Amino acid sequence: MSLIIGWAINAASLLLLAWLMPAVTVAGFGTALVAALVLGLLNTVIRPVLLVLTLPVNLLTLGLFTFVINGFLFWLAARFLEGFEVRSFGWAVLAAIVYSLISWTVSALLPRGR
């Protein structure tokens, strides 16, 4: 059940992000659900591989290159999904940061079930 709630929180976070940032467009809640699913799958499968491959750069930048990786995955999801658009790669990096902050805040405000 918590997986479905987390998925809905991420979809709602995407809609809020699209409302806050003019460079991000989400067609509707259905598109946000699909985008949240794709972002979750990309972060689960591709992100660890990218983190290992870019470890030297990540160490040199003291972990700041992780923001670029997150932005790349956000941009990649927007490139493949119809109805989910990001204006440029720079906006994708900023959107990924704001998206994770919104999602984290909403998740932290909700009570945890046992």
PDB file of N, CA and C in Angstrom:
ATOM      1  N   MET A   1       0.823  -1.190   0.000  1.00  0.00           N
ATOM      2  CA  MET A   1       0.000   0.000   0.000  1.00  0.00           C
ATOM      3  C   MET A   1       0.868   1.256   0.000  1.00  0.00           C
ATOM      4  N   SER A   2       1.984   1.219   0.740  1.00  0.00           N
ATOM      5  CA  SER A   2       2.849   2.391   0.809  1.00  0.00           C
ATOM      6  C   SER A   2       3.496   2.684  -0.546  1.00  0.00           C
ATOM      7  N   LEU A   3       3.677   1.657  -1.353  1.00  0.00           N
ATOM      8  CA  LEU A   3       4.230   1.861  -2.696  1.00  0.00           C
ATOM      9  C   LEU A   3       3.264   2.664  -3.563  1.00  0.00           C
ATOM     10  N   ILE A   4       1.989   2.360  -3.472  1.00  0.00           N
ATOM     11  CA  ILE A   4       0.975   3.087  -4.249  1.00  0.00           C
ATOM     12  C   ILE A   4       0.844   4.519  -3.750  1.00  0.00           C
ATOM     13  N   ILE A   5       0.910   4.706  -2.433  1.00  0.00           N
ATOM     14  CA  ILE A   5       0.839   6.056  -1.870  1.00  0.00           C
ATOM     15  C   ILE A   5       2.056   6.872  -2.300  1.00  0.00           C
ATOM     16  N   GLY A   6       3.225   6.260  -2.274  1.00  0.00           N
ATOM     17  CA  GLY A   6       4.434   6.942  -2.736  1.00  0.00           C
ATOM     18  C   GLY A   6       4.361   7.311  -4.200  1.00  0.00           C
ATOM     19  N   TRP A   7       3.793   6.435  -4.995  1.00  0.00           N
ATOM     20  CA  TRP A   7       3.621   6.691  -6.427  1.00  0.00           C
ATOM     21  C   TRP A   7       2.680   7.876  -6.645  1.00  0.00           C
ATOM     22  N   ALA A   8       1.583   7.905  -5.900  1.00  0.00           N
ATOM     23  CA  ALA A   8       0.631   9.019  -6.004  1.00  0.00           C
ATOM     24  C   ALA A   8       1.253  10.320  -5.525  1.00  0.00           C
ATOM     25  N   ILE A   9       2.067  10.264  -4.481  1.00  0.00           N
ATOM     26  CA  ILE A   9       2.761  11.466  -3.988  1.00  0.00           C
ATOM     27  C   ILE A   9       3.704  11.993  -5.057  1.00  0.00           C
ATOM     28  N   ASN A  10       4.435  11.112  -5.703  1.00  0.00           N
ATOM     29  CA  ASN A  10       5.352  11.545  -6.753  1.00  0.00           C
ATOM     30  C   ASN A  10       4.607  12.120  -7.944  1.00  0.00           C
ATOM     31  N   ALA A  11       3.464  11.549  -8.290  1.00  0.00           N
ATOM     32  CA  ALA A  11       2.663  12.088  -9.390  1.00  0.00           C
ATOM     33  C   ALA A  11       2.128  13.472  -9.029  1.00  0.00           C
ATOM     34  N   ALA A  12       1.640  13.630  -7.812  1.00  0.00           N
ATOM     35  CA  ALA A  12       1.160  14.938  -7.370  1.00  0.00           C
ATOM     36  C   ALA A  12       2.303  15.947  -7.308  1.00  0.00           C
ATOM     37  N   SER A  13       3.491  15.475  -6.928  1.00  0.00           N
ATOM     38  CA  SER A  13       4.663  16.351  -6.907  1.00  0.00           C
ATOM     39  C   SER A  13       5.004  16.837  -8.311  1.00  0.00           C
ATOM     40  N   LEU A  14       4.851  15.966  -9.295  1.00  0.00           N
ATOM     41  CA  LEU A  14       5.089  16.378 -10.680  1.00  0.00           C
ATOM     42  C   LEU A  14       4.086  17.439 -11.127  1.00  0.00           C
ATOM     43  N   LEU A  15       2.841  17.280 -10.737  1.00  0.00           N
ATOM     44  CA  LEU A  15       1.837  18.282 -11.088  1.00  0.00           C
ATOM     45  C   LEU A  15       2.133  19.617 -10.408  1.00  0.00           C
ATOM     46  N   LEU A  16       2.545  19.576  -9.157  1.00  0.00           N
ATOM     47  CA  LEU A  16       2.910  20.799  -8.451  1.00  0.00           C
ATOM     48  C   LEU A  16       4.143  21.441  -9.079  1.00  0.00           C
ATOM     49  N   LEU A  17       5.087  20.616  -9.477  1.00  0.00           N
ATOM     50  CA  LEU A  17       6.285  21.115 -10.153  1.00  0.00           C
ATOM     51  C   LEU A  17       5.932  21.818 -11.459  1.00  0.00           C
ATOM     52  N   ALA A  18       5.017  21.235 -12.218  1.00  0.00           N
ATOM     53  CA  ALA A  18       4.586  21.857 -13.475  1.00  0.00           C
ATOM     54  C   ALA A  18       3.872  23.180 -13.215  1.00  0.00           C
ATOM     55  N   TRP A  19       3.197  23.284 -12.091  1.00  0.00           N
ATOM     56  CA  TRP A  19       2.529  24.529 -11.743  1.00  0.00           C
ATOM     57  C   TRP A  19       3.541  25.589 -11.314  1.00  0.00           C
ATOM     58  N   LEU A  20       4.605  25.161 -10.603  1.00  0.00           N
ATOM     59  CA  LEU A  20       5.614  26.097 -10.104  1.00  0.00           C
ATOM     60  C   LEU A  20       6.600  26.557 -11.173  1.00  0.00           C
ATOM     61  N   MET A  21       6.964  25.664 -12.069  1.00  0.00           N
ATOM     62  CA  MET A  21       8.000  25.965 -13.060  1.00  0.00           C
ATOM     63  C   MET A  21       7.395  26.021 -14.460  1.00  0.00           C
ATOM     64  N   PRO A  22       7.538  27.144 -15.140  1.00  0.00           N
ATOM     65  CA  PRO A  22       6.944  27.268 -16.474  1.00  0.00           C
ATOM     66  C   PRO A  22       7.634  26.407 -17.529  1.00  0.00           C
ATOM     67  N   ALA A  23       8.829  25.928 -17.250  1.00  0.00           N
ATOM     68  CA  ALA A  23       9.578  25.138 -18.231  1.00  0.00           C
ATOM     69  C   ALA A  23       9.197  23.661 -18.208  1.00  0.00           C
ATOM     70  N   VAL A  24       8.373  23.248 -17.257  1.00  0.00           N
ATOM     71  CA  VAL A  24       7.943  21.857 -17.149  1.00  0.00           C
ATOM     72  C   VAL A  24       6.451  21.793 -17.440  1.00  0.00           C
ATOM     73  N   THR A  25       6.062  20.866 -18.314  1.00  0.00           N
ATOM     74  CA  THR A  25       4.665  20.708 -18.694  1.00  0.00           C
ATOM     75  C   THR A  25       4.236  19.266 -18.462  1.00  0.00           C
ATOM     76  N   VAL A  26       3.128  19.096 -17.758  1.00  0.00           N
ATOM     77  CA  VAL A  26       2.532  17.776 -17.549  1.00  0.00           C
ATOM     78  C   VAL A  26       1.078  17.885 -17.992  1.00  0.00           C
ATOM     79  N   ALA A  27       0.663  17.007 -18.899  1.00  0.00           N
ATOM     80  CA  ALA A  27      -0.666  17.097 -19.510  1.00  0.00           C
ATOM     81  C   ALA A  27      -1.796  16.851 -18.515  1.00  0.00           C
ATOM     82  N   GLY A  28      -1.629  15.958 -17.573  1.00  0.00           N
ATOM     83  CA  GLY A  28      -2.694  15.648 -16.621  1.00  0.00           C
ATOM     84  C   GLY A  28      -2.211  14.662 -15.577  1.00  0.00           C
ATOM     85  N   PHE A  29      -3.135  14.243 -14.716  1.00  0.00           N
ATOM     86  CA  PHE A  29      -2.750  13.340 -13.639  1.00  0.00           C
ATOM     87  C   PHE A  29      -2.337  11.966 -14.165  1.00  0.00           C
ATOM     88  N   GLY A  30      -2.982  11.496 -15.219  1.00  0.00           N
ATOM     89  CA  GLY A  30      -2.587  10.214 -15.812  1.00  0.00           C
ATOM     90  C   GLY A  30      -1.164  10.256 -16.351  1.00  0.00           C
ATOM     91  N   THR A  31      -0.840  11.346 -17.020  1.00  0.00           N
ATOM     92  CA  THR A  31       0.528  11.520 -17.509  1.00  0.00           C
ATOM     93  C   THR A  31       1.500  11.612 -16.348  1.00  0.00           C
ATOM     94  N   ALA A  32       1.097  12.293 -15.272  1.00  0.00           N
ATOM     95  CA  ALA A  32       1.957  12.403 -14.095  1.00  0.00           C
ATOM     96  C   ALA A  32       2.196  11.042 -13.455  1.00  0.00           C
ATOM     97  N   LEU A  33       1.166  10.183 -13.438  1.00  0.00           N
ATOM     98  CA  LEU A  33       1.339   8.831 -12.895  1.00  0.00           C
ATOM     99  C   LEU A  33       2.346   8.031 -13.722  1.00  0.00           C
ATOM    100  N   VAL A  34       2.212   8.105 -15.044  1.00  0.00           N
ATOM    101  CA  VAL A  34       3.138   7.377 -15.921  1.00  0.00           C
ATOM    102  C   VAL A  34       4.547   7.941 -15.776  1.00  0.00           C
ATOM    103  N   ALA A  35       4.670   9.273 -15.726  1.00  0.00           N
ATOM    104  CA  ALA A  35       5.980   9.908 -15.591  1.00  0.00           C
ATOM    105  C   ALA A  35       6.627   9.542 -14.258  1.00  0.00           C
ATOM    106  N   ALA A  36       5.839   9.510 -13.185  1.00  0.00           N
ATOM    107  CA  ALA A  36       6.375   9.122 -11.880  1.00  0.00           C
ATOM    108  C   ALA A  36       6.854   7.676 -11.900  1.00  0.00           C
ATOM    109  N   LEU A  37       6.117   6.803 -12.590  1.00  0.00           N
ATOM    110  CA  LEU A  37       6.527   5.408 -12.717  1.00  0.00           C
ATOM    111  C   LEU A  37       7.828   5.292 -13.508  1.00  0.00           C
ATOM    112  N   VAL A  38       7.906   5.998 -14.627  1.00  0.00           N
ATOM    113  CA  VAL A  38       9.114   5.949 -15.457  1.00  0.00           C
ATOM    114  C   VAL A  38      10.308   6.531 -14.704  1.00  0.00           C
ATOM    115  N   LEU A  39      10.108   7.652 -14.010  1.00  0.00           N
ATOM    116  CA  LEU A  39      11.202   8.233 -13.223  1.00  0.00           C
ATOM    117  C   LEU A  39      11.663   7.270 -12.133  1.00  0.00           C
ATOM    118  N   GLY A  40      10.724   6.602 -11.499  1.00  0.00           N
ATOM    119  CA  GLY A  40      11.092   5.621 -10.485  1.00  0.00           C
ATOM    120  C   GLY A  40      11.884   4.457 -11.057  1.00  0.00           C
ATOM    121  N   LEU A  41      11.465   3.974 -12.218  1.00  0.00           N
ATOM    122  CA  LEU A  41      12.197   2.871 -12.863  1.00  0.00           C
ATOM    123  C   LEU A  41      13.591   3.316 -13.315  1.00  0.00           C
ATOM    124  N   LEU A  42      13.692   4.514 -13.885  1.00  0.00           N
ATOM    125  CA  LEU A  42      15.005   5.028 -14.299  1.00  0.00           C
ATOM    126  C   LEU A  42      15.924   5.201 -13.100  1.00  0.00           C
ATOM    127  N   ASN A  43      15.384   5.709 -12.002  1.00  0.00           N
ATOM    128  CA  ASN A  43      16.198   5.902 -10.801  1.00  0.00           C
ATOM    129  C   ASN A  43      16.594   4.578 -10.160  1.00  0.00           C
ATOM    130  N   THR A  44      15.794   3.547 -10.363  1.00  0.00           N
ATOM    131  CA  THR A  44      16.107   2.246  -9.789  1.00  0.00           C
ATOM    132  C   THR A  44      17.107   1.470 -10.644  1.00  0.00           C
ATOM    133  N   VAL A  45      16.985   1.569 -11.965  1.00  0.00           N
ATOM    134  CA  VAL A  45      17.792   0.732 -12.850  1.00  0.00           C
ATOM    135  C   VAL A  45      19.031   1.464 -13.374  1.00  0.00           C
ATOM    136  N   ILE A  46      18.838   2.660 -13.911  1.00  0.00           N
ATOM    137  CA  ILE A  46      19.933   3.341 -14.615  1.00  0.00           C
ATOM    138  C   ILE A  46      20.791   4.199 -13.686  1.00  0.00           C
ATOM    139  N   ARG A  47      20.181   4.822 -12.691  1.00  0.00           N
ATOM    140  CA  ARG A  47      20.923   5.742 -11.827  1.00  0.00           C
ATOM    141  C   ARG A  47      22.118   5.085 -11.129  1.00  0.00           C
ATOM    142  N   PRO A  48      21.984   3.884 -10.541  1.00  0.00           N
ATOM    143  CA  PRO A  48      23.154   3.271  -9.905  1.00  0.00           C
ATOM    144  C   PRO A  48      24.302   3.017 -10.884  1.00  0.00           C
ATOM    145  N   VAL A  49      23.967   2.622 -12.106  1.00  0.00           N
ATOM    146  CA  VAL A  49      25.010   2.388 -13.111  1.00  0.00           C
ATOM    147  C   VAL A  49      25.718   3.696 -13.445  1.00  0.00           C
ATOM    148  N   LEU A  50      24.945   4.760 -13.635  1.00  0.00           N
ATOM    149  CA  LEU A  50      25.548   6.061 -13.935  1.00  0.00           C
ATOM    150  C   LEU A  50      26.396   6.572 -12.781  1.00  0.00           C
ATOM    151  N   LEU A  51      25.948   6.337 -11.553  1.00  0.00           N
ATOM    152  CA  LEU A  51      26.735   6.778 -10.398  1.00  0.00           C
ATOM    153  C   LEU A  51      28.079   6.061 -10.327  1.00  0.00           C
ATOM    154  N   VAL A  52      28.088   4.776 -10.644  1.00  0.00           N
ATOM    155  CA  VAL A  52      29.349   4.026 -10.628  1.00  0.00           C
ATOM    156  C   VAL A  52      30.258   4.485 -11.773  1.00  0.00           C
ATOM    157  N   LEU A  53      29.673   4.675 -12.958  1.00  0.00           N
ATOM    158  CA  LEU A  53      30.483   5.089 -14.110  1.00  0.00           C
ATOM    159  C   LEU A  53      31.066   6.488 -13.950  1.00  0.00           C
ATOM    160  N   THR A  54      30.371   7.355 -13.250  1.00  0.00           N
ATOM    161  CA  THR A  54      30.844   8.730 -13.081  1.00  0.00           C
ATOM    162  C   THR A  54      31.443   8.969 -11.699  1.00  0.00           C
ATOM    163  N   LEU A  55      31.834   7.915 -11.026  1.00  0.00           N
ATOM    164  CA  LEU A  55      32.374   8.046  -9.678  1.00  0.00           C
ATOM    165  C   LEU A  55      33.573   8.987  -9.593  1.00  0.00           C
ATOM    166  N   PRO A  56      34.553   8.927 -10.506  1.00  0.00           N
ATOM    167  CA  PRO A  56      35.678   9.870 -10.400  1.00  0.00           C
ATOM    168  C   PRO A  56      35.235  11.339 -10.491  1.00  0.00           C
ATOM    169  N   VAL A  57      34.341  11.631 -11.425  1.00  0.00           N
ATOM    170  CA  VAL A  57      33.852  13.007 -11.560  1.00  0.00           C
ATOM    171  C   VAL A  57      33.039  13.397 -10.330  1.00  0.00           C
ATOM    172  N   ASN A  58      32.266  12.464  -9.834  1.00  0.00           N
ATOM    173  CA  ASN A  58      31.459  12.728  -8.645  1.00  0.00           C
ATOM    174  C   ASN A  58      32.343  13.009  -7.430  1.00  0.00           C
ATOM    175  N   LEU A  59      33.436  12.288  -7.304  1.00  0.00           N
ATOM    176  CA  LEU A  59      34.367  12.538  -6.198  1.00  0.00           C
ATOM    177  C   LEU A  59      35.044  13.893  -6.349  1.00  0.00           C
ATOM    178  N   LEU A  60      35.443  14.239  -7.569  1.00  0.00           N
ATOM    179  CA  LEU A  60      36.095  15.532  -7.798  1.00  0.00           C
ATOM    180  C   LEU A  60      35.165  16.710  -7.515  1.00  0.00           C
ATOM    181  N   THR A  61      33.889  16.540  -7.766  1.00  0.00           N
ATOM    182  CA  THR A  61      32.926  17.624  -7.543  1.00  0.00           C
ATOM    183  C   THR A  61      32.249  17.507  -6.180  1.00  0.00           C
ATOM    184  N   LEU A  62      32.748  16.621  -5.340  1.00  0.00           N
ATOM    185  CA  LEU A  62      32.215  16.409  -3.993  1.00  0.00           C
ATOM    186  C   LEU A  62      30.728  16.058  -4.003  1.00  0.00           C
ATOM    187  N   GLY A  63      30.337  15.267  -4.987  1.00  0.00           N
ATOM    188  CA  GLY A  63      28.974  14.769  -5.072  1.00  0.00           C
ATOM    189  C   GLY A  63      28.007  15.649  -5.839  1.00  0.00           C
ATOM    190  N   LEU A  64      28.449  16.820  -6.266  1.00  0.00           N
ATOM    191  CA  LEU A  64      27.544  17.725  -6.977  1.00  0.00           C
ATOM    192  C   LEU A  64      27.164  17.216  -8.365  1.00  0.00           C
ATOM    193  N   PHE A  65      27.969  16.337  -8.935  1.00  0.00           N
ATOM    194  CA  PHE A  65      27.649  15.782 -10.252  1.00  0.00           C
ATOM    195  C   PHE A  65      26.395  14.910 -10.193  1.00  0.00           C
ATOM    196  N   THR A  66      26.007  14.488  -9.008  1.00  0.00           N
ATOM    197  CA  THR A  66      24.779  13.720  -8.846  1.00  0.00           C
ATOM    198  C   THR A  66      23.567  14.529  -9.301  1.00  0.00           C
ATOM    199  N   PHE A  67      23.611  15.850  -9.109  1.00  0.00           N
ATOM    200  CA  PHE A  67      22.529  16.705  -9.602  1.00  0.00           C
ATOM    201  C   PHE A  67      22.414  16.623 -11.120  1.00  0.00           C
ATOM    202  N   VAL A  68      23.544  16.543 -11.801  1.00  0.00           N
ATOM    203  CA  VAL A  68      23.542  16.421 -13.258  1.00  0.00           C
ATOM    204  C   VAL A  68      22.947  15.081 -13.677  1.00  0.00           C
ATOM    205  N   ILE A  69      23.290  14.017 -12.961  1.00  0.00           N
ATOM    206  CA  ILE A  69      22.736  12.697 -13.266  1.00  0.00           C
ATOM    207  C   ILE A  69      21.221  12.697 -13.056  1.00  0.00           C
ATOM    208  N   ASN A  70      20.767  13.280 -11.948  1.00  0.00           N
ATOM    209  CA  ASN A  70      19.327  13.347 -11.690  1.00  0.00           C
ATOM    210  C   ASN A  70      18.622  14.164 -12.767  1.00  0.00           C
ATOM    211  N   GLY A  71      19.228  15.266 -13.170  1.00  0.00           N
ATOM    212  CA  GLY A  71      18.660  16.084 -14.238  1.00  0.00           C
ATOM    213  C   GLY A  71      18.618  15.340 -15.555  1.00  0.00           C
ATOM    214  N   PHE A  72      19.658  14.566 -15.838  1.00  0.00           N
ATOM    215  CA  PHE A  72      19.689  13.778 -17.072  1.00  0.00           C
ATOM    216  C   PHE A  72      18.560  12.757 -17.099  1.00  0.00           C
ATOM    217  N   LEU A  73      18.329  12.076 -15.986  1.00  0.00           N
ATOM    218  CA  LEU A  73      17.254  11.085 -15.932  1.00  0.00           C
ATOM    219  C   LEU A  73      15.889  11.754 -16.051  1.00  0.00           C
ATOM    220  N   PHE A  74      15.737  12.936 -15.458  1.00  0.00           N
ATOM    221  CA  PHE A  74      14.489  13.691 -15.571  1.00  0.00           C
ATOM    222  C   PHE A  74      14.263  14.101 -17.028  1.00  0.00           C
ATOM    223  N   TRP A  75      15.315  14.588 -17.671  1.00  0.00           N
ATOM    224  CA  TRP A  75      15.251  14.996 -19.073  1.00  0.00           C
ATOM    225  C   TRP A  75      14.959  13.798 -19.969  1.00  0.00           C
ATOM    226  N   LEU A  76      15.592  12.666 -19.674  1.00  0.00           N
ATOM    227  CA  LEU A  76      15.397  11.451 -20.462  1.00  0.00           C
ATOM    228  C   LEU A  76      13.946  10.983 -20.384  1.00  0.00           C
ATOM    229  N   ALA A  77      13.375  11.012 -19.199  1.00  0.00           N
ATOM    230  CA  ALA A  77      11.967  10.615 -19.055  1.00  0.00           C
ATOM    231  C   ALA A  77      11.067  11.550 -19.856  1.00  0.00           C
ATOM    232  N   ALA A  78      11.367  12.835 -19.829  1.00  0.00           N
ATOM    233  CA  ALA A  78      10.548  13.805 -20.562  1.00  0.00           C
ATOM    234  C   ALA A  78      10.684  13.631 -22.072  1.00  0.00           C
ATOM    235  N   ARG A  79      11.832  13.179 -22.528  1.00  0.00           N
ATOM    236  CA  ARG A  79      12.035  12.970 -23.967  1.00  0.00           C
ATOM    237  C   ARG A  79      11.209  11.802 -24.500  1.00  0.00           C
ATOM    238  N   PHE A  80      10.956  10.801 -23.679  1.00  0.00           N
ATOM    239  CA  PHE A  80      10.269   9.599 -24.141  1.00  0.00           C
ATOM    240  C   PHE A  80       8.771   9.601 -23.882  1.00  0.00           C
ATOM    241  N   LEU A  81       8.295  10.449 -22.985  1.00  0.00           N
ATOM    242  CA  LEU A  81       6.881  10.424 -22.623  1.00  0.00           C
ATOM    243  C   LEU A  81       6.110  11.536 -23.326  1.00  0.00           C
ATOM    244  N   GLU A  82       4.999  11.171 -23.885  1.00  0.00           N
ATOM    245  CA  GLU A  82       4.109  12.138 -24.517  1.00  0.00           C
ATOM    246  C   GLU A  82       3.314  12.849 -23.417  1.00  0.00           C
ATOM    247  N   GLY A  83       3.269  14.167 -23.459  1.00  0.00           N
ATOM    248  CA  GLY A  83       2.529  14.933 -22.472  1.00  0.00           C
ATOM    249  C   GLY A  83       3.360  15.372 -21.285  1.00  0.00           C
ATOM    250  N   PHE A  84       4.622  14.968 -21.232  1.00  0.00           N
ATOM    251  CA  PHE A  84       5.542  15.382 -20.167  1.00  0.00           C
ATOM    252  C   PHE A  84       6.738  16.008 -20.852  1.00  0.00           C
ATOM    253  N   GLU A  85       6.910  17.311 -20.689  1.00  0.00           N
ATOM    254  CA  GLU A  85       7.963  18.024 -21.405  1.00  0.00           C
ATOM    255  C   GLU A  85       8.775  18.904 -20.459  1.00  0.00           C
ATOM    256  N   VAL A  86      10.054  19.009 -20.764  1.00  0.00           N
ATOM    257  CA  VAL A  86      10.955  19.925 -20.081  1.00  0.00           C
ATOM    258  C   VAL A  86      11.659  20.726 -21.161  1.00  0.00           C
ATOM    259  N   ARG A  87      11.732  22.042 -20.977  1.00  0.00           N
ATOM    260  CA  ARG A  87      12.219  22.934 -22.025  1.00  0.00           C
ATOM    261  C   ARG A  87      13.680  22.675 -22.415  1.00  0.00           C
ATOM    262  N   SER A  88      14.566  22.426 -21.454  1.00  0.00           N
ATOM    263  CA  SER A  88      15.978  22.204 -21.776  1.00  0.00           C
ATOM    264  C   SER A  88      16.623  21.368 -20.678  1.00  0.00           C
ATOM    265  N   PHE A  89      17.875  21.005 -20.920  1.00  0.00           N
ATOM    266  CA  PHE A  89      18.592  20.184 -19.940  1.00  0.00           C
ATOM    267  C   PHE A  89      18.834  20.955 -18.646  1.00  0.00           C
ATOM    268  N   GLY A  90      19.152  22.224 -18.760  1.00  0.00           N
ATOM    269  CA  GLY A  90      19.357  23.043 -17.559  1.00  0.00           C
ATOM    270  C   GLY A  90      18.103  23.111 -16.696  1.00  0.00           C
ATOM    271  N   TRP A  91      16.962  23.283 -17.346  1.00  0.00           N
ATOM    272  CA  TRP A  91      15.702  23.271 -16.619  1.00  0.00           C
ATOM    273  C   TRP A  91      15.442  21.896 -16.007  1.00  0.00           C
ATOM    274  N   ALA A  92      15.879  20.837 -16.680  1.00  0.00           N
ATOM    275  CA  ALA A  92      15.683  19.486 -16.156  1.00  0.00           C
ATOM    276  C   ALA A  92      16.470  19.284 -14.859  1.00  0.00           C
ATOM    277  N   VAL A  93      17.685  19.823 -14.799  1.00  0.00           N
ATOM    278  CA  VAL A  93      18.485  19.707 -13.570  1.00  0.00           C
ATOM    279  C   VAL A  93      17.782  20.444 -12.436  1.00  0.00           C
ATOM    280  N   LEU A  94      17.349  21.673 -12.705  1.00  0.00           N
ATOM    281  CA  LEU A  94      16.643  22.446 -11.678  1.00  0.00           C
ATOM    282  C   LEU A  94      15.322  21.778 -11.298  1.00  0.00           C
ATOM    283  N   ALA A  95      14.596  21.268 -12.281  1.00  0.00           N
ATOM    284  CA  ALA A  95      13.316  20.605 -12.018  1.00  0.00           C
ATOM    285  C   ALA A  95      13.517  19.342 -11.180  1.00  0.00           C
ATOM    286  N   ALA A  96      14.584  18.596 -11.432  1.00  0.00           N
ATOM    287  CA  ALA A  96      14.852  17.385 -10.655  1.00  0.00           C
ATOM    288  C   ALA A  96      15.122  17.732  -9.193  1.00  0.00           C
ATOM    289  N   ILE A  97      15.809  18.830  -8.955  1.00  0.00           N
ATOM    290  CA  ILE A  97      16.082  19.261  -7.580  1.00  0.00           C
ATOM    291  C   ILE A  97      14.779  19.660  -6.888  1.00  0.00           C
ATOM    292  N   VAL A  98      13.984  20.491  -7.559  1.00  0.00           N
ATOM    293  CA  VAL A  98      12.727  20.951  -6.974  1.00  0.00           C
ATOM    294  C   VAL A  98      11.760  19.783  -6.782  1.00  0.00           C
ATOM    295  N   TYR A  99      11.714  18.873  -7.750  1.00  0.00           N
ATOM    296  CA  TYR A  99      10.842  17.695  -7.665  1.00  0.00           C
ATOM    297  C   TYR A  99      11.194  16.843  -6.446  1.00  0.00           C
ATOM    298  N   SER A 100      12.461  16.605  -6.229  1.00  0.00           N
ATOM    299  CA  SER A 100      12.839  15.786  -5.081  1.00  0.00           C
ATOM    300  C   SER A 100      12.561  16.519  -3.769  1.00  0.00           C
ATOM    301  N   LEU A 101      12.714  17.838  -3.745  1.00  0.00           N
ATOM    302  CA  LEU A 101      12.391  18.594  -2.534  1.00  0.00           C
ATOM    303  C   LEU A 101      10.890  18.550  -2.234  1.00  0.00           C
ATOM    304  N   ILE A 102      10.066  18.715  -3.258  1.00  0.00           N
ATOM    305  CA  ILE A 102       8.611  18.653  -3.068  1.00  0.00           C
ATOM    306  C   ILE A 102       8.204  17.261  -2.595  1.00  0.00           C
ATOM    307  N   SER A 103       8.691  16.243  -3.262  1.00  0.00           N
ATOM    308  CA  SER A 103       8.340  14.871  -2.919  1.00  0.00           C
ATOM    309  C   SER A 103       8.787  14.522  -1.501  1.00  0.00           C
ATOM    310  N   TRP A 104       9.989  14.940  -1.140  1.00  0.00           N
ATOM    311  CA  TRP A 104      10.507  14.672   0.203  1.00  0.00           C
ATOM    312  C   TRP A 104       9.676  15.387   1.256  1.00  0.00           C
ATOM    313  N   THR A 105       9.312  16.648   0.998  1.00  0.00           N
ATOM    314  CA  THR A 105       8.525  17.420   1.959  1.00  0.00           C
ATOM    315  C   THR A 105       7.148  16.809   2.176  1.00  0.00           C
ATOM    316  N   VAL A 106       6.470  16.459   1.094  1.00  0.00           N
ATOM    317  CA  VAL A 106       5.147  15.875   1.221  1.00  0.00           C
ATOM    318  C   VAL A 106       5.223  14.531   1.939  1.00  0.00           C
ATOM    319  N   SER A 107       6.204  13.720   1.604  1.00  0.00           N
ATOM    320  CA  SER A 107       6.355  12.420   2.263  1.00  0.00           C
ATOM    321  C   SER A 107       6.656  12.576   3.754  1.00  0.00           C
ATOM    322  N   ALA A 108       7.437  13.587   4.102  1.00  0.00           N
ATOM    323  CA  ALA A 108       7.780  13.810   5.502  1.00  0.00           C
ATOM    324  C   ALA A 108       6.576  14.311   6.314  1.00  0.00           C
ATOM    325  N   LEU A 109       5.659  15.010   5.659  1.00  0.00           N
ATOM    326  CA  LEU A 109       4.497  15.530   6.371  1.00  0.00           C
ATOM    327  C   LEU A 109       3.419  14.481   6.625  1.00  0.00           C
ATOM    328  N   LEU A 110       3.415  13.435   5.832  1.00  0.00           N
ATOM    329  CA  LEU A 110       2.411  12.382   5.993  1.00  0.00           C
ATOM    330  C   LEU A 110       2.800  11.446   7.126  1.00  0.00           C
ATOM    331  N   PRO A 111       1.822  10.985   7.899  1.00  0.00           N
ATOM    332  CA  PRO A 111       2.145  10.037   8.979  1.00  0.00           C
ATOM    333  C   PRO A 111       2.541   8.680   8.407  1.00  0.00           C
ATOM    334  N   ARG A 112       3.436   8.030   9.091  1.00  0.00           N
ATOM    335  CA  ARG A 112       3.912   6.705   8.660  1.00  0.00           C
ATOM    336  C   ARG A 112       3.052   5.631   9.311  1.00  0.00           C
ATOM    337  N   GLY A 113       2.591   4.690   8.482  1.00  0.00           N
ATOM    338  CA  GLY A 113       1.828   3.555   9.007  1.00  0.00           C
ATOM    339  C   GLY A 113       2.742   2.394   9.312  1.00  0.00           C
ATOM    340  N   ARG A 114       2.296   1.521  10.185  1.00  0.00           N
ATOM    341  CA  ARG A 114       3.135   0.370  10.542  1.00  0.00           C
ATOM    342  C   ARG A 114       2.566  -0.892   9.994  1.00  0.00           C
TER     343      ARG A 114
END
